[in-house]
Amino acid sequence: MTSTAEPELGRARKRKEDARLITGRTRWTDNIALPGMLHLAVLRSPAAHARIASIDTERAAKMPGVRAVRTGRDLAAVQGSLPCAWPITPDMKAPQAPSLAVDAVHFAGEAVAVVAARSAAEAHDALDAIDVDYDDLPVVLDLDAAAGADSPLVHEELGTNRSATWTFDSAEAGTGGDVERALAEAEVRIDRTFRQQRLIPAFMEPRSVVVDPTGDQCTMWSATQVPHILRLMLATTLGVPEQRIRVIAPDVGGGFGGKLQVTPEEIITFLLARELGVPVKWTESRSESMVAAHHGRDQVQRLSLAARRDGTVTGLKVELLADMGAYLRLVTPGVPILGAFMFNGIYKFPAYHFSCTTVFTNKTPTDAYRGAGRPEATFGIERMMDELAAELGADPLELRRKNWIERDEFPFDTVSGLTYDSGDYAAATDEAVRLLGYAELRAEQAERRRTGAAVQLGIGVSTFTEMCGLAPSRVLGSLSYGAGGWEHAAIRVLPTGGVEVVTGVSPHGQGHETAWSQLVADRLGVPFEDVAVLHGDTQTSPKGLDTYGSRSLAVGGMAVVAAADKVIEKARRIAAHLMECAEDDVEFEAGRFGVRGTSRSTALGEVALAAFAAHDLPEGVEPSLDADATFDPENFSFPHGTHLCAVEVDTETGRVRIREYACVDDVGTVVNPLIVEGQVHGGLAQGIAQALYEEAVHDESGTLTTATLADYLVPSAADLPEYTTGRTETRATSNRLGVKGVGEAGTIASTPAVVNAVVDAIRHLGVTDVEMPCSPQRVWRAITGARASGATAPEPGGGTGSMNRVPGGDR
């Protein structure tokens, strides 16, 4: 073992995991084949709301290769109710959520029966032989209407479609003043209603699960973000001893929050495998994923902003309706609540009120989607700041400068009750302005308006922050979240000098193996190549709370660093013993222990071998250098940035083209610039997709008409612009690394930047808003005023309805 020659922290290494991922040498869940394995196919309801009058499975059970056909009634006694781990209020209403519907279905795509057969083809063939009679019930789709007292009910037994109302008021909390008074006394008041459309995570690898019940443990492989949480929830939901369950998340092809879930299919596969006593696999099709995996966003935001005529903001009131869909999934109710702490953004609002009512509809359940509550909040406040600037005739950047928190004001206690630890909004903004060429573009915009050009130029601004690094446990507990936020890591220094890092976080594309190797290589002074990272298996990494909310590096990475420091301290004592000196005289640098003031030294690998042999250890020291640690920060981390977007809008066709996009992000200390750049690019693509392309559209019967990638417009590289990116750096104070998190930044910041740019391009024509996605049709209608911009009919590429049959279902 030799020491590293170049610091790893900040080095732009290519990801070590990519070689196997991009050459097909990894094994995804669907690649797993076990002896005697059966395949599942799931029959799904084509009805959005109906009673199940009868299910006839007799003919399907006799189909070739079929081993079993089960309905919800068959599993009713054992399937339990899918867990919701975030009861946001004591009186929150939550319906039973069976994995297989028993008496009624509440969204199109809900599972009603399952077939186990020798092959996937035989299982799917048998679905067509299952005869289900439905008695249709009224379908509830519109969010505002669903919240009304006279609405038909999604769940009769609840007596209402309102699940819960969660409020925060700065006057009551003691963090600020009375927002109603601020609004009453406002010199300028802005009221707007924004709509966050429903989105579909559309991860690259469809969900898949394999369960092997043949050993002492029941082993589940699943394409999940949360193997540890999944194991716990399987045990508590099904009453199976936790120690009898092993969950493995192999390489997972993306998640974006869409695999932060305990799915009906995981429960069903687990139950069928145990009942039949053989391994069972289920893998979804793309359309099945679109209708049955959880969706994201879907809010109506009503915002009121108070300000003085000089542009100083004095109050913000937020009233949300959030669509839960038909059921509460793992963290569904908490997603909009995360946004409660971010609507004030980077600004010094003296008064704030937030209220969110969560509502059931007959649509696919919603849950976490990249950013989870924070993109929605950032969109709301950044749109409002642009609207205020327009009202005052001010430059939107200068209005933000007037109201944001200055660098010398950190740490800053916000009106929503958080303490921002660090940041420099001016530095990020100044650099973004330079990169975009803001002044030149403003001059060009003025000229185009003067000449009445058919293609107008708009410039959008988004200055954002987010709370991420989800922990701390005590704060999550105060919000009634059902889990903690700590993270665990262990380091094993092998006798040959190699190092194994065991981490409780579970990557699905983030590059943990590379970043964790860099952290450990730097800390222990070992070569990057000598570090292996183990993850995603509750047997080999038994402690952990998995990956979501940009928490992996800020929490999980810190646990790795803490474990490495324990290794060094133990090795220091052994090294002192071997070199026959006092422990206080031992120095550690670049992988070697030396005696201060002498040339005597020994390498960490030599100490590791001595610790393994255990022939001559200090009194009371146990063999091996292994160490483990947990980390639970005292505060969230708060990355921030400024994103600027310039668009060209064809006023005759409504077509939007992003001409320039510049962003400067402050994510704290950067471990690997290449990974950070990739995360920013991916996030930008996803945020721009919400602004311009993606929307889950249901028809009047509740059928999802955008259930294929021909209808649901995930943009390709050809649809997206070149990005100009930059970074500033202020260290987080919540962890010793100074890292803040980057996984969600691009998604959070880019959506309002793009929409603000679109509105800015056509504001002089009388347009104050264009609903997302800003399709050519919506933009054109906003310009012409022919119809309300949101009242669009299905359009090519925006929901043509090519999906007229629910996968696995028929009517």
Foldseek 3Di string as FASTA:
>chain_A
DFFDDDAQFAAFDDFPVVVCVVVVNFAAQVNDDDPPAWEKDFFWAQFLKWWWPDKDLVVLCPFPFWDDKDFCVNCVVFQFAFDAQFPQDPQFDFDGHGLGDDTMHHFTLRTTMMIIGRDPVSRLVSLVVMDIDTGHDDFFDDLVQQQDQPHDDSDVVVNGQWGDKDKDWLCVVVLFDHQVVLLVPFPDKDKDKFWQFKFAQLFPFFWKKKWALQDQAIEMEILAQFQQVLLVSLCVRRVDPSVRYKYFHTQHRDDQVLRNFNHSVVSVQSVVCVVVVGMYMYTDDLLSSLQAGAIAGTKMWIKMWGHYLVLETAEIEIEMETEQESGRTHHSVCLLVLLLLFLCFQFAHRTYMYMYIYGYGSGHGHDHGQQRNLLVSQLVNQLVLLVSCVVSVHDSVVSCVVTGDAQVCPQDQHSSGAGAHGDHQVVQVVVLCVVFVVVVQVVVQVVCVVVVPLKHKFKFKGWGKHFFLPDDQVVCVVSSRNDGRKWKKKWFQALQGAIEIETQAGDNPLSCQQLLLSLLSNLQRHDSVRYGYDYRMCVRRVDGRYDDRLNCCVHRVQQSNVNSVQLVVLLLQFFCQVVVHDSVQWDDDNQKIDGPPDPDIDGSSVSQNCLQVVPDGPPPRHRGSMGMGMGRWPHTHMKIKMKMWMWIARLVQRDIATDAIEMEIAFARGSHVNSLVVLLVVLQLQQLCFQAAAHFDAPSSNRTLQSDCQQGPRDDPVRDDDYHYHYDHDFTPRGPSSGRGRNRHNNSGNNSRVQNRLCRRCVVLVASGFHPNSYSQLSNCSNVVPDHSVPDDDDRSNGPRPPPARSSYDD
